[in-house]
Every structure is written in C-alpha cells, then in structure tokens.
PDB file of N, CA and C in Angstrom:
ATOM      1  N   MET A   1      43.193   0.753  29.080  1.00  0.00           N
ATOM      2  CA  MET A   1      44.206   1.909  28.503  1.00  0.00           C
ATOM      3  C   MET A   1      43.553   1.993  26.996  1.00  0.00           C
ATOM      4  N   LYS A   2      43.075   0.686  26.262  1.00  0.00           N
ATOM      5  CA  LYS A   2      43.039   0.673  25.150  1.00  0.00           C
ATOM      6  C   LYS A   2      41.506   1.177  25.121  1.00  0.00           C
ATOM      7  N   ALA A   3      40.857   1.438  26.061  1.00  0.00           N
ATOM      8  CA  ALA A   3      39.481   2.197  26.161  1.00  0.00           C
ATOM      9  C   ALA A   3      39.511   3.700  25.851  1.00  0.00           C
ATOM     10  N   VAL A   4      40.630   4.020  26.527  1.00  0.00           N
ATOM     11  CA  VAL A   4      40.985   5.367  26.797  1.00  0.00           C
ATOM     12  C   VAL A   4      41.373   5.855  25.233  1.00  0.00           C
ATOM     13  N   LEU A   5      42.249   5.402  24.702  1.00  0.00           N
ATOM     14  CA  LEU A   5      42.999   5.680  23.321  1.00  0.00           C
ATOM     15  C   LEU A   5      41.844   5.201  22.396  1.00  0.00           C
ATOM     16  N   SER A   6      40.767   4.460  22.312  1.00  0.00           N
ATOM     17  CA  SER A   6      40.007   4.340  21.490  1.00  0.00           C
ATOM     18  C   SER A   6      38.780   5.262  21.804  1.00  0.00           C
ATOM     19  N   LYS A   7      38.671   6.111  22.406  1.00  0.00           N
ATOM     20  CA  LYS A   7      37.454   6.655  22.882  1.00  0.00           C
ATOM     21  C   LYS A   7      38.296   8.187  22.382  1.00  0.00           C
ATOM     22  N   TYR A   8      39.430   8.517  22.579  1.00  0.00           N
ATOM     23  CA  TYR A   8      39.929   9.755  22.282  1.00  0.00           C
ATOM     24  C   TYR A   8      40.638  10.080  20.571  1.00  0.00           C
ATOM     25  N   ASN A   9      40.579   8.684  20.064  1.00  0.00           N
ATOM     26  CA  ASN A   9      40.559   8.519  18.589  1.00  0.00           C
ATOM     27  C   ASN A   9      42.465   8.911  18.801  1.00  0.00           C
ATOM     28  N   ILE A  10      43.065   8.216  19.746  1.00  0.00           N
ATOM     29  CA  ILE A  10      44.341   7.845  19.264  1.00  0.00           C
ATOM     30  C   ILE A  10      45.170   6.713  18.759  1.00  0.00           C
ATOM     31  N   THR A  11      45.633   7.107  17.618  1.00  0.00           N
ATOM     32  CA  THR A  11      46.417   5.938  17.112  1.00  0.00           C
ATOM     33  C   THR A  11      47.712   5.686  17.207  1.00  0.00           C
ATOM     34  N   ASP A  12      48.485   4.584  16.429  1.00  0.00           N
ATOM     35  CA  ASP A  12      49.656   4.917  16.206  1.00  0.00           C
ATOM     36  C   ASP A  12      50.499   5.330  17.527  1.00  0.00           C
ATOM     37  N   TRP A  13      50.349   4.729  18.599  1.00  0.00           N
ATOM     38  CA  TRP A  13      51.219   5.160  19.483  1.00  0.00           C
ATOM     39  C   TRP A  13      52.075   4.419  20.182  1.00  0.00           C
ATOM     40  N   ARG A  14      52.891   5.092  20.756  1.00  0.00           N
ATOM     41  CA  ARG A  14      54.463   3.954  21.290  1.00  0.00           C
ATOM     42  C   ARG A  14      54.725   4.990  22.407  1.00  0.00           C
ATOM     43  N   PHE A  15      54.935   3.851  23.481  1.00  0.00           N
ATOM     44  CA  PHE A  15      55.927   4.510  24.768  1.00  0.00           C
ATOM     45  C   PHE A  15      57.541   4.536  24.514  1.00  0.00           C
ATOM     46  N   GLN A  16      58.117   5.058  24.677  1.00  0.00           N
ATOM     47  CA  GLN A  16      59.551   5.061  24.553  1.00  0.00           C
ATOM     48  C   GLN A  16      60.027   5.628  25.577  1.00  0.00           C
ATOM     49  N   ARG A  17      61.054   4.645  26.125  1.00  0.00           N
ATOM     50  CA  ARG A  17      62.405   5.264  27.424  1.00  0.00           C
ATOM     51  C   ARG A  17      63.472   5.294  27.013  1.00  0.00           C
ATOM     52  N   HIS A  18      64.077   6.485  27.359  1.00  0.00           N
ATOM     53  CA  HIS A  18      65.460   6.954  27.351  1.00  0.00           C
ATOM     54  C   HIS A  18      66.418   6.468  28.396  1.00  0.00           C
ATOM     55  N   GLN A  19      67.520   6.922  28.042  1.00  0.00           N
ATOM     56  CA  GLN A  19      68.776   6.806  28.801  1.00  0.00           C
ATOM     57  C   GLN A  19      68.292   7.424  30.520  1.00  0.00           C
ATOM     58  N   PRO A  20      68.603   6.637  31.433  1.00  0.00           N
ATOM     59  CA  PRO A  20      68.176   7.473  32.895  1.00  0.00           C
ATOM     60  C   PRO A  20      68.941   8.805  32.651  1.00  0.00           C
ATOM     61  N   ARG A  21      68.504   9.461  33.351  1.00  0.00           N
ATOM     62  CA  ARG A  21      69.092  10.747  33.884  1.00  0.00           C
ATOM     63  C   ARG A  21      69.526  10.907  35.155  1.00  0.00           C
ATOM     64  N   TYR A  22      69.077  10.021  36.033  1.00  0.00           N
ATOM     65  CA  TYR A  22      69.294  10.454  37.231  1.00  0.00           C
ATOM     66  C   TYR A  22      69.589   8.993  37.933  1.00  0.00           C
ATOM     67  N   LEU A  23      70.446   8.185  38.621  1.00  0.00           N
ATOM     68  CA  LEU A  23      70.322   7.034  39.187  1.00  0.00           C
ATOM     69  C   LEU A  23      71.358   7.572  41.007  1.00  0.00           C
ATOM     70  N   MET A  24      70.364   7.417  41.848  1.00  0.00           N
ATOM     71  CA  MET A  24      71.200   7.134  43.050  1.00  0.00           C
ATOM     72  C   MET A  24      70.883   6.141  44.062  1.00  0.00           C
ATOM     73  N   ALA A  25      71.735   5.353  44.693  1.00  0.00           N
ATOM     74  CA  ALA A  25      71.301   4.237  45.573  1.00  0.00           C
ATOM     75  C   ALA A  25      72.050   4.070  46.817  1.00  0.00           C
ATOM     76  N   THR A  26      71.874   3.609  47.580  1.00  0.00           N
ATOM     77  CA  THR A  26      72.250   3.038  48.789  1.00  0.00           C
ATOM     78  C   THR A  26      71.823   1.935  48.747  1.00  0.00           C
ATOM     79  N   GLU A  27      72.522   1.096  50.019  1.00  0.00           N
ATOM     80  CA  GLU A  27      72.422  -0.899  50.098  1.00  0.00           C
ATOM     81  C   GLU A  27      71.084  -0.776  49.979  1.00  0.00           C
ATOM     82  N   ASP A  28      69.682  -0.129  50.437  1.00  0.00           N
ATOM     83  CA  ASP A  28      68.560  -0.525  50.516  1.00  0.00           C
ATOM     84  C   ASP A  28      67.539   0.146  49.847  1.00  0.00           C
ATOM     85  N   ARG A  29      67.900   1.619  49.250  1.00  0.00           N
ATOM     86  CA  ARG A  29      66.893   2.658  48.643  1.00  0.00           C
ATOM     87  C   ARG A  29      67.825   2.870  47.327  1.00  0.00           C
ATOM     88  N   ALA A  30      66.922   3.363  46.233  1.00  0.00           N
ATOM     89  CA  ALA A  30      67.563   3.847  44.984  1.00  0.00           C
ATOM     90  C   ALA A  30      66.124   4.762  44.884  1.00  0.00           C
ATOM     91  N   TRP A  31      66.674   5.590  43.874  1.00  0.00           N
ATOM     92  CA  TRP A  31      66.383   6.638  43.315  1.00  0.00           C
ATOM     93  C   TRP A  31      66.538   6.832  41.484  1.00  0.00           C
ATOM     94  N   LEU A  32      65.726   6.948  40.910  1.00  0.00           N
ATOM     95  CA  LEU A  32      65.682   6.935  39.640  1.00  0.00           C
ATOM     96  C   LEU A  32      64.838   7.582  38.528  1.00  0.00           C
ATOM     97  N   VAL A  33      65.327   8.658  37.789  1.00  0.00           N
ATOM     98  CA  VAL A  33      64.627   9.216  37.136  1.00  0.00           C
ATOM     99  C   VAL A  33      64.832   8.798  35.627  1.00  0.00           C
ATOM    100  N   VAL A  34      63.948   8.650  34.818  1.00  0.00           N
ATOM    101  CA  VAL A  34      64.260   8.089  33.502  1.00  0.00           C
ATOM    102  C   VAL A  34      63.279   8.904  32.494  1.00  0.00           C
ATOM    103  N   PRO A  35      63.611   9.741  31.220  1.00  0.00           N
ATOM    104  CA  PRO A  35      63.084  10.236  30.577  1.00  0.00           C
ATOM    105  C   PRO A  35      61.958   9.590  29.828  1.00  0.00           C
ATOM    106  N   ALA A  36      61.298  10.132  29.270  1.00  0.00           N
ATOM    107  CA  ALA A  36      59.957   9.257  28.432  1.00  0.00           C
ATOM    108  C   ALA A  36      59.239  10.138  27.436  1.00  0.00           C
ATOM    109  N   SER A  37      59.002   9.110  26.241  1.00  0.00           N
ATOM    110  CA  SER A  37      58.328  10.119  25.317  1.00  0.00           C
ATOM    111  C   SER A  37      56.976   9.444  25.065  1.00  0.00           C
ATOM    112  N   PHE A  38      56.174   9.724  24.406  1.00  0.00           N
ATOM    113  CA  PHE A  38      54.759   9.047  23.881  1.00  0.00           C
ATOM    114  C   PHE A  38      54.317   9.732  22.721  1.00  0.00           C
ATOM    115  N   PRO A  39      54.917   9.251  21.658  1.00  0.00           N
ATOM    116  CA  PRO A  39      54.283   9.778  20.164  1.00  0.00           C
ATOM    117  C   PRO A  39      53.237   9.069  19.824  1.00  0.00           C
ATOM    118  N   PHE A  40      52.343  10.022  19.405  1.00  0.00           N
ATOM    119  CA  PHE A  40      50.872   9.341  18.622  1.00  0.00           C
ATOM    120  C   PHE A  40      50.234  10.366  17.991  1.00  0.00           C
ATOM    121  N   LEU A  41      49.287   9.857  17.340  1.00  0.00           N
ATOM    122  CA  LEU A  41      48.159  10.380  16.097  1.00  0.00           C
ATOM    123  C   LEU A  41      46.980  10.723  17.065  1.00  0.00           C
ATOM    124  N   LEU A  42      46.175  12.080  17.067  1.00  0.00           N
ATOM    125  CA  LEU A  42      44.895  12.130  17.742  1.00  0.00           C
ATOM    126  C   LEU A  42      44.320  12.605  16.443  1.00  0.00           C
ATOM    127  N   GLY A  43      43.344  11.983  15.900  1.00  0.00           N
ATOM    128  CA  GLY A  43      42.691  12.147  15.045  1.00  0.00           C
ATOM    129  C   GLY A  43      43.518  12.228  13.782  1.00  0.00           C
ATOM    130  N   GLY A  44      44.188  11.893  13.865  1.00  0.00           N
ATOM    131  CA  GLY A  44      44.865  11.612  12.469  1.00  0.00           C
ATOM    132  C   GLY A  44      46.600  13.232  12.599  1.00  0.00           C
ATOM    133  N   LYS A  45      46.580  13.721  13.532  1.00  0.00           N
ATOM    134  CA  LYS A  45      47.193  14.748  13.851  1.00  0.00           C
ATOM    135  C   LYS A  45      48.726  14.325  14.694  1.00  0.00           C
ATOM    136  N   THR A  46      49.885  14.543  14.398  1.00  0.00           N
ATOM    137  CA  THR A  46      50.600  14.001  15.135  1.00  0.00           C
ATOM    138  C   THR A  46      50.708  14.521  16.521  1.00  0.00           C
ATOM    139  N   GLN A  47      51.117  13.988  17.536  1.00  0.00           N
ATOM    140  CA  GLN A  47      50.900  14.549  18.980  1.00  0.00           C
ATOM    141  C   GLN A  47      52.331  13.891  19.631  1.00  0.00           C
ATOM    142  N   SER A  48      52.556  14.444  20.549  1.00  0.00           N
ATOM    143  CA  SER A  48      53.644  13.720  21.436  1.00  0.00           C
ATOM    144  C   SER A  48      53.330  14.167  22.921  1.00  0.00           C
ATOM    145  N   VAL A  49      53.603  13.621  24.176  1.00  0.00           N
ATOM    146  CA  VAL A  49      53.531  13.830  25.279  1.00  0.00           C
ATOM    147  C   VAL A  49      55.062  13.350  26.081  1.00  0.00           C
ATOM    148  N   SER A  50      55.989  14.008  26.034  1.00  0.00           N
ATOM    149  CA  SER A  50      57.555  13.974  27.076  1.00  0.00           C
ATOM    150  C   SER A  50      57.383  13.970  28.473  1.00  0.00           C
ATOM    151  N   ALA A  51      57.873  13.293  29.145  1.00  0.00           N
ATOM    152  CA  ALA A  51      57.880  13.121  30.793  1.00  0.00           C
ATOM    153  C   ALA A  51      59.206  12.939  31.285  1.00  0.00           C
ATOM    154  N   GLU A  52      59.240  12.885  32.925  1.00  0.00           N
ATOM    155  CA  GLU A  52      60.250  12.335  33.674  1.00  0.00           C
ATOM    156  C   GLU A  52      59.208  10.874  34.731  1.00  0.00           C
ATOM    157  N   TRP A  53      59.866   9.986  34.281  1.00  0.00           N
ATOM    158  CA  TRP A  53      59.343   8.762  35.146  1.00  0.00           C
ATOM    159  C   TRP A  53      60.191   8.894  36.227  1.00  0.00           C
ATOM    160  N   ILE A  54      59.666   8.836  37.227  1.00  0.00           N
ATOM    161  CA  ILE A  54      60.517   8.820  38.756  1.00  0.00           C
ATOM    162  C   ILE A  54      59.972   7.448  39.291  1.00  0.00           C
ATOM    163  N   PHE A  55      61.051   6.802  39.843  1.00  0.00           N
ATOM    164  CA  PHE A  55      60.930   5.787  40.658  1.00  0.00           C
ATOM    165  C   PHE A  55      61.858   5.880  42.055  1.00  0.00           C
ATOM    166  N   VAL A  56      61.061   5.097  43.026  1.00  0.00           N
ATOM    167  CA  VAL A  56      61.705   5.019  44.197  1.00  0.00           C
ATOM    168  C   VAL A  56      61.538   3.318  44.533  1.00  0.00           C
ATOM    169  N   LEU A  57      62.869   3.128  44.738  1.00  0.00           N
ATOM    170  CA  LEU A  57      62.879   1.357  44.952  1.00  0.00           C
ATOM    171  C   LEU A  57      63.562   1.088  46.423  1.00  0.00           C
ATOM    172  N   THR A  58      62.835  -0.008  46.914  1.00  0.00           N
ATOM    173  CA  THR A  58      63.531  -0.415  48.267  1.00  0.00           C
ATOM    174  C   THR A  58      63.814  -2.180  48.115  1.00  0.00           C
ATOM    175  N   LYS A  59      64.858  -2.483  48.304  1.00  0.00           N
ATOM    176  CA  LYS A  59      65.665  -3.814  48.420  1.00  0.00           C
ATOM    177  C   LYS A  59      64.696  -4.313  49.743  1.00  0.00           C
ATOM    178  N   LYS A  60      64.431  -5.195  49.272  1.00  0.00           N
ATOM    179  CA  LYS A  60      63.498  -6.571  50.491  1.00  0.00           C
ATOM    180  C   LYS A  60      64.289  -7.238  51.041  1.00  0.00           C
ATOM    181  N   SER A  61      63.943  -7.847  51.919  1.00  0.00           N
ATOM    182  CA  SER A  61      64.811  -8.966  52.667  1.00  0.00           C
ATOM    183  C   SER A  61      64.889 -10.063  51.655  1.00  0.00           C
ATOM    184  N   ASP A  62      64.358 -10.168  50.586  1.00  0.00           N
ATOM    185  CA  ASP A  62      64.601 -11.619  50.068  1.00  0.00           C
ATOM    186  C   ASP A  62      65.625 -11.033  48.872  1.00  0.00           C
ATOM    187  N   GLY A  63      66.205  -9.911  49.043  1.00  0.00           N
ATOM    188  CA  GLY A  63      67.147  -9.393  48.237  1.00  0.00           C
ATOM    189  C   GLY A  63      66.754  -8.669  46.810  1.00  0.00           C
ATOM    190  N   LYS A  64      65.529  -8.700  46.660  1.00  0.00           N
ATOM    191  CA  LYS A  64      65.081  -8.215  45.216  1.00  0.00           C
ATOM    192  C   LYS A  64      64.729  -7.061  45.513  1.00  0.00           C
ATOM    193  N   TRP A  65      64.845  -5.957  44.246  1.00  0.00           N
ATOM    194  CA  TRP A  65      64.404  -4.670  44.300  1.00  0.00           C
ATOM    195  C   TRP A  65      62.789  -4.510  44.040  1.00  0.00           C
ATOM    196  N   ARG A  66      62.230  -3.983  44.502  1.00  0.00           N
ATOM    197  CA  ARG A  66      60.617  -3.804  44.806  1.00  0.00           C
ATOM    198  C   ARG A  66      60.674  -2.321  44.428  1.00  0.00           C
ATOM    199  N   VAL A  67      59.432  -1.784  43.570  1.00  0.00           N
ATOM    200  CA  VAL A  67      59.212  -0.029  43.328  1.00  0.00           C
ATOM    201  C   VAL A  67      57.916   0.036  44.367  1.00  0.00           C
ATOM    202  N   ASP A  68      58.639   0.868  45.065  1.00  0.00           N
ATOM    203  CA  ASP A  68      57.500   1.572  46.096  1.00  0.00           C
ATOM    204  C   ASP A  68      56.509   2.551  45.833  1.00  0.00           C
ATOM    205  N   LEU A  69      57.318   3.640  45.061  1.00  0.00           N
ATOM    206  CA  LEU A  69      56.691   4.727  44.387  1.00  0.00           C
ATOM    207  C   LEU A  69      57.492   4.970  42.842  1.00  0.00           C
ATOM    208  N   SER A  70      56.260   5.329  41.962  1.00  0.00           N
ATOM    209  CA  SER A  70      56.439   5.836  40.793  1.00  0.00           C
ATOM    210  C   SER A  70      55.833   7.091  40.391  1.00  0.00           C
ATOM    211  N   ALA A  71      55.896   8.120  39.465  1.00  0.00           N
ATOM    212  CA  ALA A  71      55.217   8.850  39.339  1.00  0.00           C
ATOM    213  C   ALA A  71      55.646   9.475  37.804  1.00  0.00           C
ATOM    214  N   PHE A  72      54.680   9.821  36.963  1.00  0.00           N
ATOM    215  CA  PHE A  72      54.759  10.115  35.393  1.00  0.00           C
ATOM    216  C   PHE A  72      54.314  11.769  35.498  1.00  0.00           C
ATOM    217  N   GLY A  73      55.812  12.617  35.190  1.00  0.00           N
ATOM    218  CA  GLY A  73      55.335  13.793  35.358  1.00  0.00           C
ATOM    219  C   GLY A  73      55.294  14.194  33.962  1.00  0.00           C
ATOM    220  N   ASP A  74      54.343  15.004  33.408  1.00  0.00           N
ATOM    221  CA  ASP A  74      54.500  15.815  32.001  1.00  0.00           C
ATOM    222  C   ASP A  74      55.305  16.734  32.046  1.00  0.00           C
ATOM    223  N   THR A  75      56.433  17.027  30.969  1.00  0.00           N
ATOM    224  CA  THR A  75      57.443  18.214  30.658  1.00  0.00           C
ATOM    225  C   THR A  75      56.988  19.047  29.721  1.00  0.00           C
ATOM    226  N   HIS A  76      56.335  18.336  28.934  1.00  0.00           N
ATOM    227  CA  HIS A  76      56.176  18.955  27.347  1.00  0.00           C
ATOM    228  C   HIS A  76      55.285  18.181  26.435  1.00  0.00           C
ATOM    229  N   HIS A  77      54.762  18.834  26.091  1.00  0.00           N
ATOM    230  CA  HIS A  77      53.108  18.164  25.304  1.00  0.00           C
ATOM    231  C   HIS A  77      52.977  18.864  24.126  1.00  0.00           C
ATOM    232  N   THR A  78      52.368  18.282  23.098  1.00  0.00           N
ATOM    233  CA  THR A  78      51.796  18.789  21.420  1.00  0.00           C
ATOM    234  C   THR A  78      50.173  18.927  21.367  1.00  0.00           C
ATOM    235  N   LEU A  79      49.689  18.524  22.810  1.00  0.00           N
ATOM    236  CA  LEU A  79      48.143  18.247  22.406  1.00  0.00           C
ATOM    237  C   LEU A  79      47.651  19.493  21.864  1.00  0.00           C
ATOM    238  N   LEU A  80      46.593  19.299  21.716  1.00  0.00           N
ATOM    239  CA  LEU A  80      45.790  20.446  20.772  1.00  0.00           C
ATOM    240  C   LEU A  80      44.921  21.004  21.808  1.00  0.00           C
ATOM    241  N   PRO A  81      44.320  21.817  21.683  1.00  0.00           N
ATOM    242  CA  PRO A  81      43.524  22.921  22.759  1.00  0.00           C
ATOM    243  C   PRO A  81      42.188  21.486  22.375  1.00  0.00           C
TER     244      PRO A  81
END
C-alpha cells in the first residue's frame, strides 16, 4: 500500500470507520455494513473517498467469529480527473 500511496503522491491519509449502519446476526452467521472514509492529500490537494465496508462473518466450531467475505464499495469520492 505504501508503494501505491507514494506512486500517486498521496499524503496525510487516514482511514476512518464510522458507526455501523446495519447489523444482522443468527446463531452462526452475521452481516455488517460499516461506513468508512479515507481523506487524504493528492499532490497537495484535499481529496476523499467514502465507502460502505461490508462483512459477512461465520461463527466457527471453536466459537470464534471469522470474516468470510468483505467488500469495500466506493459510494462517493472527490478524486480529480
């Protein structure tokens, strides 16, 4: 990731998770939607990406929850052309 950030001159970045928007669970499966944002500077200009981070979890036989699937879907961005 550092190589990509460096290549595109992305600085002052941070990743922010927000309050979960959706959570549903059964005894052994769970679905979670977490809004996230990624503000940064691109060549010195303020930019941002907002997304929905989606998780599907399964409770394993050892009782621990594991992520089976996650997806990060861009819902808004201010990227320059």
